[in-house]
Amino acid sequence: MNSSILLGITLGTLIGGAFAWMQLRAARRNELLQRQQQSPEILRQVPGSLTRVAFLLMALVAVQVFFPQADKWCLSGALVVAYGIPFFWRLRDRIPQAR
């Protein structure tokens, strides 16, 4: 396997996994607030979501600057897969099994 492909897959997996972890942590926090009958305030949610998106963009720019040899298509694919798998598992657990 080409080293640029391996680097792209590795970096995409790391960035996508970190972004998914941050998103899931925020979702759990909001669910906890809803269970406690406290609605999550929009003024508290917006800065958190902007911070997470800023992290994603800074990480992608850092990859472009520090690892220009990383394959961009493999990085994008690995990022999407690493980000999507935890949400797929969560969705699968929430949907009742059709029997």
Protein backbone atom coordinates (compact mmCIF):
# COMPACT_ATOMS: atom_id res chain seq x y z
CA MET A 1 0.00 0.00 0.00
CA ASN A 2 1.21 3.43 -0.88
CA SER A 3 2.41 5.49 2.10
CA SER A 4 0.29 8.49 1.07
CA ILE A 5 -2.83 6.32 1.11
CA LEU A 6 -1.94 4.89 4.52
CA LEU A 7 -1.25 8.36 5.89
CA GLY A 8 -4.56 9.66 4.52
CA ILE A 9 -6.52 6.77 6.04
CA THR A 10 -4.77 7.15 9.40
CA LEU A 11 -5.28 10.90 9.63
CA GLY A 12 -8.87 10.68 8.41
CA THR A 13 -9.67 8.03 10.99
CA LEU A 14 -8.13 10.07 13.80
CA ILE A 15 -9.89 13.30 12.84
CA GLY A 16 -13.24 11.63 12.15
CA GLY A 17 -13.08 9.63 15.38
CA ALA A 18 -12.23 12.69 17.45
CA PHE A 19 -15.01 14.73 15.84
CA ALA A 20 -17.55 11.93 16.38
CA TRP A 21 -16.48 11.59 20.02
CA MET A 22 -16.99 15.32 20.60
CA GLN A 23 -20.39 15.27 18.88
CA LEU A 24 -21.59 12.24 20.86
CA ARG A 25 -20.40 13.76 24.13
CA ALA A 26 -22.39 16.93 23.41
CA ALA A 27 -25.46 14.88 22.43
CA ARG A 28 -25.28 12.92 25.70
CA ARG A 29 -25.02 16.15 27.64
CA ASN A 30 -28.08 17.57 25.90
CA GLU A 31 -30.03 14.35 26.50
CA LEU A 32 -29.11 14.49 30.18
CA LEU A 33 -30.37 18.07 30.39
CA GLN A 34 -33.62 17.04 28.72
CA ARG A 35 -34.12 14.18 31.20
CA GLN A 36 -33.60 16.64 34.05
CA GLN A 37 -36.37 18.80 32.53
CA GLN A 38 -33.91 21.54 31.66
CA SER A 39 -33.99 22.55 28.05
CA PRO A 40 -30.53 23.13 26.61
CA GLU A 41 -30.19 26.83 26.03
CA ILE A 42 -29.40 27.89 22.49
CA LEU A 43 -26.79 30.32 23.79
CA ARG A 44 -24.95 27.40 25.37
CA GLN A 45 -25.27 25.07 22.38
CA VAL A 46 -24.10 27.40 19.62
CA PRO A 47 -20.59 28.12 20.98
CA GLY A 48 -20.05 24.40 21.57
CA SER A 49 -21.10 23.43 18.07
CA LEU A 50 -19.03 26.24 16.55
CA THR A 51 -16.04 25.06 18.54
CA ARG A 52 -16.45 21.53 17.25
CA VAL A 53 -16.73 22.69 13.63
CA ALA A 54 -13.71 24.97 14.12
CA PHE A 55 -11.74 21.97 15.43
CA LEU A 56 -12.66 19.99 12.34
CA LEU A 57 -11.64 22.78 9.97
CA MET A 58 -8.37 23.47 11.83
CA ALA A 59 -7.52 19.77 11.79
CA LEU A 60 -8.13 19.56 8.04
CA VAL A 61 -6.03 22.68 7.41
CA ALA A 62 -3.26 21.28 9.62
CA VAL A 63 -3.26 18.09 7.55
CA GLN A 64 -2.97 20.17 4.37
CA VAL A 65 -0.05 22.16 5.79
CA PHE A 66 1.90 19.49 7.67
CA PHE A 67 1.09 16.41 5.58
CA PRO A 68 0.62 17.56 1.97
CA GLN A 69 1.60 14.11 0.74
CA ALA A 70 -1.46 12.48 2.40
CA ASP A 71 -3.97 11.20 -0.13
CA LYS A 72 -6.98 13.55 0.15
CA TRP A 73 -9.57 11.08 -1.15
CA CYS A 74 -8.54 8.40 1.34
CA LEU A 75 -8.47 10.99 4.11
CA SER A 76 -11.99 12.13 3.23
CA GLY A 77 -13.31 8.59 2.99
CA ALA A 78 -11.77 7.52 6.29
CA LEU A 79 -13.08 10.67 7.97
CA VAL A 80 -16.63 9.99 6.76
CA VAL A 81 -16.51 6.34 7.81
CA ALA A 82 -14.94 7.04 11.22
CA TYR A 83 -17.46 9.81 11.85
CA GLY A 84 -20.45 7.82 10.63
CA ILE A 85 -19.96 4.46 12.34
CA PRO A 86 -20.73 5.62 15.92
CA PHE A 87 -23.86 7.40 14.73
CA PHE A 88 -24.96 4.34 12.77
CA TRP A 89 -24.57 2.19 15.91
CA ARG A 90 -26.53 4.71 17.94
CA LEU A 91 -29.30 4.87 15.34
CA ARG A 92 -29.43 1.07 15.14
CA ASP A 93 -29.87 0.88 18.94
CA ARG A 94 -32.70 3.43 18.88
CA ILE A 95 -34.75 1.80 16.13
CA PRO A 96 -36.80 -1.12 17.51
CA GLN A 97 -36.16 -4.43 15.87
CA ALA A 98 -38.90 -5.35 13.40
CA ARG A 99 -40.08 -8.89 14.17
